[in-house]
Amino acid sequence: MRTYIDLFKRPGVAQVVWSQLLARFAMGMQTITFTIHLQQVFHNYTVPGLAIAASTVGGALAGPILGRWMATVGIRPIILVTTILAPICMLLIGFFPISEALAVFISLMLGVCIPPVQPAARAVYPTLVDTESQRNTLYSIDAILQEVIWILGPVLATILIAFTNTLVPITVMALIQLFGGLWFISLPRVHNAPIPRSTKPMGSVLKQKIVQYMIVINLLFVASFAALEIGTVAAVGQKQAGFVISMLSIGSVLGGLAFGHRIKSPSALTKQLAIVLIGDLFIFFNATSPLWLGACLFVAGIGVATAFATIGAIIGKAVPLDDTTEVYGWIGAGQNVGYGLGAALAGIVVDQLSSTHSLGLATALDLFAMLVALAAISFTPGFRSQKDK
């Protein structure tokens, strides 16, 4: 733990980390809130699945463009505009009478307008620290806090829905998004970050083989989460789903704290994804039991934050600083496409087959992600060994 304590003593680190956490927190509430809200409105899981898919496709389309714009005009104007527009879209979905088609369209616009806080934060991180070791520890913290979002977000959403209705968490999401985004861009360490302006043509970063593989891995990995979440809601019911899903993130946080800050070998990502796959496979001994499903997700989660931390470290080492916002934009696009496809397929699979088949879809996607990571070992950069201080 000394490693983390020393890092947070560095000027600007704590403010950037906590502000970006708040600015992204609404995302942890979004899937389960809109799944339950739209299911109650339209009485099926296909519309929620398509709406979530539309949102993530919108994010996929906008991510590389917004990342590129941040590399040319700066972080503050891009985050400011999107921080205002995203809450408006959330409130439209919740408070205005909408048809099925309009629900999907507004969800698409929400995806386009989600503030690119994560790419911005990951581009700022290297400017806050001096060494590769500190940088990788910071990526680990980012991955761990991402899981905190997925622990507290679904739980908070389900608690609010249980005691009130779906409109309350939608309002909370909008307010958190607005305040968090404004706090993040108000920090001097963010809007004055010494990130070189890129002069390369947009898309040139895609020529790098390591970038291509990281995009595909993120797409498959995140698609599995969407299939897992929708399958879990259908398997155990709305009231228990948030707590069950949070077990994945609890395992992820503990795994990240224990292993995520350590510098890794080129094969580390494959091993971390293998841990996730093992947890997934155990699900099928009793795929409809909330306790068993939660325990399996806890095991799978041990590899999640460490995998994301490794991906961040790989990009941080392999990609020049002036290209990082665009690369993380493409990484985010891959994640959004994956989540959208996973959500859409899972919604249809649940309606046409069963919740267990959706969980099987999630397992297959994790398997493919691990195989792609295995194929990338030969050109994945390695890191020095590092022990806890």
Protein backbone atom coordinates (compact mmCIF):
# COMPACT_ATOMS: atom_id res chain seq x y z
CA MET A 1 0.00 0.00 0.00
CA ARG A 2 2.98 2.31 0.47
CA THR A 3 3.22 2.51 -3.34
CA TYR A 4 -0.28 3.96 -3.59
CA ILE A 5 0.17 6.34 -0.63
CA ASP A 6 3.37 7.80 -2.06
CA LEU A 7 1.73 8.28 -5.45
CA PHE A 8 -1.20 10.23 -4.01
CA LYS A 9 1.24 12.62 -2.30
CA ARG A 10 2.37 13.88 -5.69
CA PRO A 11 0.88 17.28 -6.66
CA GLY A 12 -2.33 17.02 -8.67
CA VAL A 13 -2.69 13.24 -8.60
CA ALA A 14 -5.48 13.03 -6.01
CA GLN A 15 -7.54 15.83 -7.58
CA VAL A 16 -7.33 14.37 -11.09
CA VAL A 17 -8.09 10.84 -9.92
CA TRP A 18 -11.11 11.73 -7.77
CA SER A 19 -12.60 14.22 -10.23
CA GLN A 20 -12.39 11.80 -13.16
CA LEU A 21 -13.96 9.12 -10.94
CA LEU A 22 -16.97 11.33 -10.24
CA ALA A 23 -17.18 12.46 -13.86
CA ARG A 24 -17.46 8.81 -14.97
CA PHE A 25 -19.62 7.52 -12.12
CA ALA A 26 -22.94 7.87 -13.93
CA MET A 27 -21.79 5.23 -16.41
CA GLY A 28 -21.88 2.63 -13.64
CA MET A 29 -25.55 3.38 -13.03
CA GLN A 30 -26.59 3.76 -16.66
CA THR A 31 -26.94 0.19 -17.95
CA ILE A 32 -29.00 -1.28 -15.13
CA THR A 33 -31.09 1.91 -14.72
CA PHE A 34 -32.02 2.16 -18.39
CA THR A 35 -32.49 -1.62 -18.67
CA ILE A 36 -35.04 -1.59 -15.85
CA HIS A 37 -36.64 1.73 -16.88
CA LEU A 38 -37.14 0.81 -20.53
CA GLN A 39 -38.21 -2.74 -19.65
CA GLN A 40 -40.93 -1.27 -17.44
CA VAL A 41 -42.00 1.13 -20.18
CA PHE A 42 -41.98 -1.32 -23.12
CA HIS A 43 -42.34 -4.67 -21.28
CA ASN A 44 -39.51 -6.52 -23.03
CA TYR A 45 -35.72 -6.77 -22.94
CA THR A 46 -35.15 -6.23 -26.66
CA VAL A 47 -35.76 -2.45 -26.54
CA PRO A 48 -33.42 -1.92 -23.55
CA GLY A 49 -30.80 -4.04 -25.30
CA LEU A 50 -31.11 -2.02 -28.51
CA ALA A 51 -31.09 1.28 -26.60
CA ILE A 52 -27.92 0.35 -24.74
CA ALA A 53 -26.44 -0.82 -28.03
CA ALA A 54 -27.32 2.50 -29.67
CA SER A 55 -25.71 4.43 -26.81
CA THR A 56 -22.50 2.49 -27.06
CA VAL A 57 -22.43 2.69 -30.86
CA GLY A 58 -22.82 6.47 -30.53
CA GLY A 59 -19.87 6.47 -28.16
CA ALA A 60 -17.90 4.34 -30.59
CA LEU A 61 -18.52 6.76 -33.43
CA ALA A 62 -17.73 9.84 -31.37
CA GLY A 63 -14.82 8.48 -29.29
CA PRO A 64 -12.00 8.69 -31.85
CA ILE A 65 -13.26 12.05 -33.13
CA LEU A 66 -13.49 13.57 -29.66
CA GLY A 67 -10.08 12.10 -28.79
CA ARG A 68 -8.61 13.66 -31.90
CA TRP A 69 -10.22 17.03 -31.15
CA MET A 70 -8.77 16.98 -27.64
CA ALA A 71 -5.35 16.43 -29.21
CA THR A 72 -5.80 19.51 -31.42
CA VAL A 73 -7.96 22.03 -29.51
CA GLY A 74 -7.44 20.88 -25.92
CA ILE A 75 -9.32 18.94 -23.28
CA ARG A 76 -11.44 21.68 -21.69
CA PRO A 77 -13.76 22.71 -24.59
CA ILE A 78 -14.58 19.13 -25.57
CA ILE A 79 -15.35 17.98 -22.03
CA LEU A 80 -17.36 21.15 -21.30
CA VAL A 81 -19.75 20.78 -24.24
CA THR A 82 -20.33 17.07 -23.74
CA THR A 83 -20.77 17.50 -19.98
CA ILE A 84 -23.73 19.78 -20.69
CA LEU A 85 -25.32 17.70 -23.45
CA ALA A 86 -25.12 14.22 -21.88
CA PRO A 87 -27.34 14.99 -18.84
CA ILE A 88 -29.95 16.51 -21.18
CA CYS A 89 -30.16 13.22 -23.08
CA MET A 90 -30.47 11.25 -19.84
CA LEU A 91 -33.37 13.38 -18.67
CA LEU A 92 -35.11 13.09 -22.05
CA ILE A 93 -35.06 9.30 -21.78
CA GLY A 94 -36.49 9.42 -18.27
CA PHE A 95 -39.02 12.21 -18.25
CA PHE A 96 -40.43 12.51 -21.78
CA PRO A 97 -42.96 10.13 -23.35
CA ILE A 98 -41.05 8.34 -26.11
CA SER A 99 -41.67 5.62 -28.62
CA GLU A 100 -39.42 2.60 -29.00
CA ALA A 101 -37.64 4.19 -31.97
CA LEU A 102 -37.18 7.50 -30.17
CA ALA A 103 -35.78 5.73 -27.11
CA VAL A 104 -33.13 4.12 -29.28
CA PHE A 105 -32.37 7.40 -31.09
CA ILE A 106 -31.95 9.45 -27.91
CA SER A 107 -29.74 6.69 -26.54
CA LEU A 108 -27.62 7.02 -29.66
CA MET A 109 -27.28 10.77 -29.03
CA LEU A 110 -26.40 10.10 -25.39
CA GLY A 111 -23.56 7.86 -26.53
CA VAL A 112 -22.28 10.57 -28.86
CA CYS A 113 -22.33 13.13 -26.05
CA ILE A 114 -20.76 11.10 -23.22
CA PRO A 115 -17.75 13.18 -22.07
CA PRO A 116 -14.44 11.51 -23.04
CA VAL A 117 -13.12 11.81 -19.49
CA GLN A 118 -11.24 8.52 -19.43
CA PRO A 119 -9.13 9.23 -22.56
CA ALA A 120 -8.45 12.72 -21.22
CA ALA A 121 -7.43 11.44 -17.79
CA ARG A 122 -5.17 8.73 -19.21
CA ALA A 123 -3.47 11.30 -21.41
CA VAL A 124 -2.91 13.54 -18.38
CA TYR A 125 -1.55 10.79 -16.11
CA PRO A 126 1.98 10.64 -17.61
CA THR A 127 2.35 14.39 -16.99
CA LEU A 128 1.72 13.93 -13.26
CA VAL A 129 4.51 11.42 -12.54
CA ASP A 130 8.21 10.99 -13.30
CA THR A 131 8.83 7.26 -13.68
CA GLU A 132 7.41 4.27 -15.53
CA SER A 133 6.74 2.57 -12.20
CA GLN A 134 4.60 5.48 -10.97
CA ARG A 135 2.82 5.71 -14.29
CA ASN A 136 1.84 2.04 -14.22
CA THR A 137 0.67 2.34 -10.63
CA LEU A 138 -1.51 5.25 -11.72
CA TYR A 139 -3.01 3.16 -14.52
CA SER A 140 -3.70 0.48 -11.93
CA ILE A 141 -5.53 2.98 -9.71
CA ASP A 142 -7.54 4.10 -12.74
CA ALA A 143 -8.56 0.50 -13.44
CA ILE A 144 -9.43 -0.14 -9.79
CA LEU A 145 -11.56 2.98 -9.57
CA GLN A 146 -13.30 1.98 -12.78
CA GLU A 147 -14.40 -1.13 -10.91
CA VAL A 148 -15.50 0.98 -7.94
CA ILE A 149 -17.85 2.67 -10.40
CA TRP A 150 -19.27 -0.73 -11.34
CA ILE A 151 -19.59 -1.77 -7.69
CA LEU A 152 -21.33 1.30 -6.33
CA GLY A 153 -23.15 2.35 -9.52
CA PRO A 154 -25.43 -0.69 -9.96
CA VAL A 155 -25.99 -1.00 -6.21
CA LEU A 156 -26.94 2.67 -5.86
CA ALA A 157 -29.23 2.43 -8.90
CA THR A 158 -31.05 -0.67 -7.64
CA ILE A 159 -31.45 0.77 -4.13
CA LEU A 160 -32.92 3.99 -5.50
CA ILE A 161 -35.25 2.06 -7.80
CA ALA A 162 -36.35 -0.27 -4.99
CA PHE A 163 -37.30 2.59 -2.68
CA THR A 164 -38.49 5.13 -5.26
CA ASN A 165 -38.71 4.62 -9.03
CA THR A 166 -36.45 4.69 -12.08
CA LEU A 167 -36.75 8.46 -12.50
CA VAL A 168 -34.76 9.13 -9.33
CA PRO A 169 -31.53 7.36 -10.41
CA ILE A 170 -31.84 8.95 -13.85
CA THR A 171 -31.91 12.39 -12.19
CA VAL A 172 -28.99 11.45 -9.92
CA MET A 173 -27.01 10.29 -12.96
CA ALA A 174 -27.57 13.60 -14.73
CA LEU A 175 -26.47 15.66 -11.72
CA ILE A 176 -23.37 13.54 -11.07
CA GLN A 177 -22.37 13.75 -14.73
CA LEU A 178 -22.70 17.53 -14.75
CA PHE A 179 -20.87 18.23 -11.49
CA GLY A 180 -18.11 15.68 -12.06
CA GLY A 181 -17.32 16.87 -15.57
CA LEU A 182 -17.14 20.51 -14.50
CA TRP A 183 -14.87 19.66 -11.57
CA PHE A 184 -12.52 17.67 -13.81
CA ILE A 185 -12.01 20.44 -16.39
CA SER A 186 -11.64 23.10 -13.68
CA LEU A 187 -8.36 21.55 -12.51
CA PRO A 188 -5.22 23.34 -13.73
CA ARG A 189 -3.41 19.99 -13.99
CA VAL A 190 -6.00 18.99 -16.60
CA HIS A 191 -6.50 22.04 -18.79
CA ASN A 192 -2.82 23.07 -18.56
CA ALA A 193 -1.45 19.56 -19.09
CA PRO A 194 1.67 19.66 -21.31
CA ILE A 195 0.28 17.27 -23.92
CA PRO A 196 1.82 17.89 -27.36
CA ARG A 197 -0.65 18.75 -30.12
CA SER A 198 -0.76 16.01 -32.72
CA THR A 199 -0.08 16.94 -36.36
CA LYS A 200 -0.54 13.45 -37.79
CA PRO A 201 -3.57 12.53 -39.93
CA MET A 202 -6.49 11.12 -37.96
CA GLY A 203 -6.44 7.34 -37.99
CA SER A 204 -2.70 7.02 -38.53
CA VAL A 205 -2.38 5.48 -35.06
CA LEU A 206 -4.35 2.49 -36.32
CA LYS A 207 -1.36 1.41 -38.37
CA GLN A 208 0.33 0.24 -35.17
CA LYS A 209 -0.22 -3.48 -34.69
CA ILE A 210 -0.33 -3.25 -30.90
CA VAL A 211 -3.09 -0.64 -31.09
CA GLN A 212 -5.13 -2.85 -33.41
CA TYR A 213 -4.91 -5.81 -31.06
CA MET A 214 -5.71 -3.76 -27.95
CA ILE A 215 -8.85 -2.41 -29.66
CA VAL A 216 -10.04 -5.92 -30.52
CA ILE A 217 -9.32 -7.23 -27.02
CA ASN A 218 -11.24 -4.35 -25.44
CA LEU A 219 -14.16 -4.89 -27.84
CA LEU A 220 -14.50 -8.58 -26.97
CA PHE A 221 -13.82 -8.14 -23.26
CA VAL A 222 -16.36 -5.35 -22.75
CA ALA A 223 -18.94 -7.12 -24.93
CA SER A 224 -18.79 -9.95 -22.43
CA PHE A 225 -19.72 -7.54 -19.62
CA ALA A 226 -22.87 -6.42 -21.46
CA ALA A 227 -23.99 -9.99 -22.07
CA LEU A 228 -23.19 -10.82 -18.46
CA GLU A 229 -25.17 -7.92 -17.01
CA ILE A 230 -28.31 -8.47 -19.08
CA GLY A 231 -28.11 -12.22 -18.50
CA THR A 232 -27.77 -11.62 -14.75
CA VAL A 233 -30.78 -9.28 -14.60
CA ALA A 234 -32.86 -11.91 -16.40
CA ALA A 235 -31.49 -14.79 -14.29
CA VAL A 236 -31.87 -13.42 -10.75
CA GLY A 237 -34.36 -10.57 -11.12
CA GLN A 238 -34.12 -6.82 -10.93
CA LYS A 239 -33.86 -6.49 -7.14
CA GLN A 240 -30.85 -8.81 -6.76
CA ALA A 241 -29.05 -8.08 -10.03
CA GLY A 242 -27.16 -5.01 -8.84
CA PHE A 243 -25.67 -6.82 -5.84
CA VAL A 244 -24.75 -9.89 -7.90
CA ILE A 245 -23.10 -7.83 -10.64
CA SER A 246 -21.20 -5.84 -8.02
CA MET A 247 -19.39 -9.04 -6.97
CA LEU A 248 -17.49 -8.94 -10.26
CA SER A 249 -16.25 -5.48 -9.40
CA ILE A 250 -15.44 -6.36 -5.78
CA GLY A 251 -13.22 -9.18 -7.00
CA SER A 252 -11.73 -6.81 -9.54
CA VAL A 253 -10.86 -4.19 -6.93
CA LEU A 254 -9.20 -6.73 -4.66
CA GLY A 255 -7.30 -8.24 -7.57
CA GLY A 256 -6.24 -4.80 -8.74
CA LEU A 257 -5.01 -3.76 -5.29
CA ALA A 258 -3.03 -6.97 -4.91
CA PHE A 259 -1.53 -7.28 -8.39
CA GLY A 260 -2.45 -4.36 -10.64
CA HIS A 261 0.39 -2.00 -9.68
CA ARG A 262 3.11 -4.52 -10.45
CA ILE A 263 4.96 -4.21 -13.74
CA LYS A 264 4.12 -7.14 -15.96
CA SER A 265 5.52 -9.46 -18.61
CA PRO A 266 4.17 -9.55 -22.19
CA SER A 267 2.10 -12.65 -21.29
CA ALA A 268 0.41 -11.01 -18.28
CA LEU A 269 -2.69 -9.91 -20.17
CA THR A 270 -3.34 -13.45 -21.43
CA LYS A 271 -3.05 -14.83 -17.88
CA GLN A 272 -5.37 -12.17 -16.48
CA LEU A 273 -8.03 -12.88 -19.10
CA ALA A 274 -7.66 -16.60 -18.36
CA ILE A 275 -8.63 -15.92 -14.72
CA VAL A 276 -11.79 -14.16 -15.93
CA LEU A 277 -12.60 -17.11 -18.19
CA ILE A 278 -12.19 -19.62 -15.35
CA GLY A 279 -14.68 -17.68 -13.21
CA ASP A 280 -17.13 -17.59 -16.12
CA LEU A 281 -16.94 -21.32 -16.68
CA PHE A 282 -17.83 -22.12 -13.08
CA ILE A 283 -21.12 -20.22 -13.55
CA PHE A 284 -22.71 -23.10 -15.40
CA PHE A 285 -22.76 -25.42 -12.40
CA ASN A 286 -25.74 -23.38 -11.15
CA ALA A 287 -26.37 -20.44 -13.47
CA THR A 288 -29.62 -19.25 -11.85
CA SER A 289 -28.50 -19.15 -8.21
CA PRO A 290 -27.76 -15.56 -7.05
CA LEU A 291 -25.22 -16.76 -4.46
CA TRP A 292 -23.37 -19.07 -6.83
CA LEU A 293 -23.43 -16.56 -9.68
CA GLY A 294 -22.08 -13.85 -7.37
CA ALA A 295 -19.28 -16.13 -6.15
CA CYS A 296 -18.25 -17.00 -9.72
CA LEU A 297 -18.28 -13.36 -10.74
CA PHE A 298 -16.06 -12.56 -7.76
CA VAL A 299 -13.49 -15.09 -9.01
CA ALA A 300 -13.72 -13.77 -12.57
CA GLY A 301 -13.33 -10.21 -11.31
CA ILE A 302 -9.86 -10.88 -9.91
CA GLY A 303 -8.51 -10.62 -13.45
CA VAL A 304 -10.56 -7.64 -14.64
CA ALA A 305 -8.89 -4.54 -13.16
CA THR A 306 -5.44 -6.03 -13.63
CA ALA A 307 -6.24 -6.64 -17.31
CA PHE A 308 -7.39 -3.05 -17.82
CA ALA A 309 -4.33 -1.76 -15.95
CA THR A 310 -2.10 -3.85 -18.19
CA ILE A 311 -3.79 -2.53 -21.33
CA GLY A 312 -3.30 1.04 -20.10
CA ALA A 313 0.37 0.36 -19.34
CA ILE A 314 0.90 -1.21 -22.78
CA ILE A 315 -0.61 1.79 -24.56
CA GLY A 316 1.29 4.20 -22.31
CA LYS A 317 4.59 2.58 -23.21
CA ALA A 318 3.97 1.79 -26.88
CA VAL A 319 2.28 5.03 -28.03
CA PRO A 320 3.79 8.56 -28.17
CA LEU A 321 2.19 11.09 -25.81
CA ASP A 322 0.80 13.25 -28.63
CA ASP A 323 -1.17 10.27 -29.95
CA THR A 324 -2.57 9.02 -26.64
CA THR A 325 -5.91 10.87 -26.63
CA GLU A 326 -6.74 9.57 -30.10
CA VAL A 327 -5.59 6.04 -29.28
CA TYR A 328 -7.68 5.98 -26.12
CA GLY A 329 -10.54 7.32 -28.22
CA TRP A 330 -10.19 4.29 -30.50
CA ILE A 331 -9.88 2.01 -27.47
CA GLY A 332 -13.08 3.53 -26.12
CA ALA A 333 -14.69 3.06 -29.52
CA GLY A 334 -13.80 -0.61 -29.40
CA GLN A 335 -15.27 -0.87 -25.91
CA ASN A 336 -18.45 0.88 -26.97
CA VAL A 337 -18.91 -1.25 -30.08
CA GLY A 338 -18.32 -4.32 -27.95
CA TYR A 339 -20.76 -3.24 -25.29
CA GLY A 340 -23.35 -2.34 -27.89
CA LEU A 341 -23.06 -5.64 -29.72
CA GLY A 342 -23.00 -7.57 -26.46
CA ALA A 343 -26.10 -5.78 -25.15
CA ALA A 344 -28.05 -6.16 -28.38
CA LEU A 345 -27.21 -9.84 -28.77
CA ALA A 346 -27.83 -10.55 -25.10
CA GLY A 347 -31.27 -8.90 -25.13
CA ILE A 348 -32.31 -11.01 -28.11
CA VAL A 349 -30.76 -14.18 -26.65
CA VAL A 350 -32.62 -13.72 -23.35
CA ASP A 351 -35.95 -13.14 -25.11
CA GLN A 352 -35.52 -15.98 -27.60
CA LEU A 353 -33.58 -18.54 -25.51
CA SER A 354 -32.72 -17.99 -21.84
CA SER A 355 -30.59 -16.08 -19.36
CA THR A 356 -28.16 -19.00 -19.25
CA HIS A 357 -27.51 -18.65 -22.98
CA SER A 358 -26.66 -14.97 -22.43
CA LEU A 359 -24.14 -15.97 -19.78
CA GLY A 360 -22.74 -18.50 -22.26
CA LEU A 361 -22.36 -15.70 -24.79
CA ALA A 362 -20.35 -13.71 -22.23
CA THR A 363 -18.08 -16.68 -21.60
CA ALA A 364 -17.42 -17.20 -25.31
CA LEU A 365 -16.51 -13.54 -25.75
CA ASP A 366 -14.02 -13.74 -22.87
CA LEU A 367 -12.47 -16.80 -24.50
CA PHE A 368 -11.96 -14.97 -27.78
CA ALA A 369 -10.42 -11.97 -25.96
CA MET A 370 -7.91 -14.27 -24.27
CA LEU A 371 -6.98 -15.91 -27.60
CA VAL A 372 -6.33 -12.50 -29.20
CA ALA A 373 -4.12 -11.52 -26.25
CA LEU A 374 -2.25 -14.80 -26.65
CA ALA A 375 -1.63 -14.02 -30.32
CA ALA A 376 -0.27 -10.56 -29.39
CA ILE A 377 2.38 -11.74 -26.90
CA SER A 378 5.22 -11.68 -29.44
CA PHE A 379 4.96 -7.90 -29.99
CA THR A 380 3.57 -6.78 -26.61
CA PRO A 381 6.06 -4.63 -24.67
CA GLY A 382 7.30 -5.99 -21.36
CA PHE A 383 8.08 -4.13 -18.16
CA ARG A 384 10.68 -4.33 -15.48
CA SER A 385 9.92 -6.36 -12.38
CA GLN A 386 8.64 -4.31 -9.52
CA LYS A 387 8.03 -5.13 -5.85
CA ASP A 388 5.81 -3.35 -3.38
CA LYS A 389 7.55 -0.66 -1.46
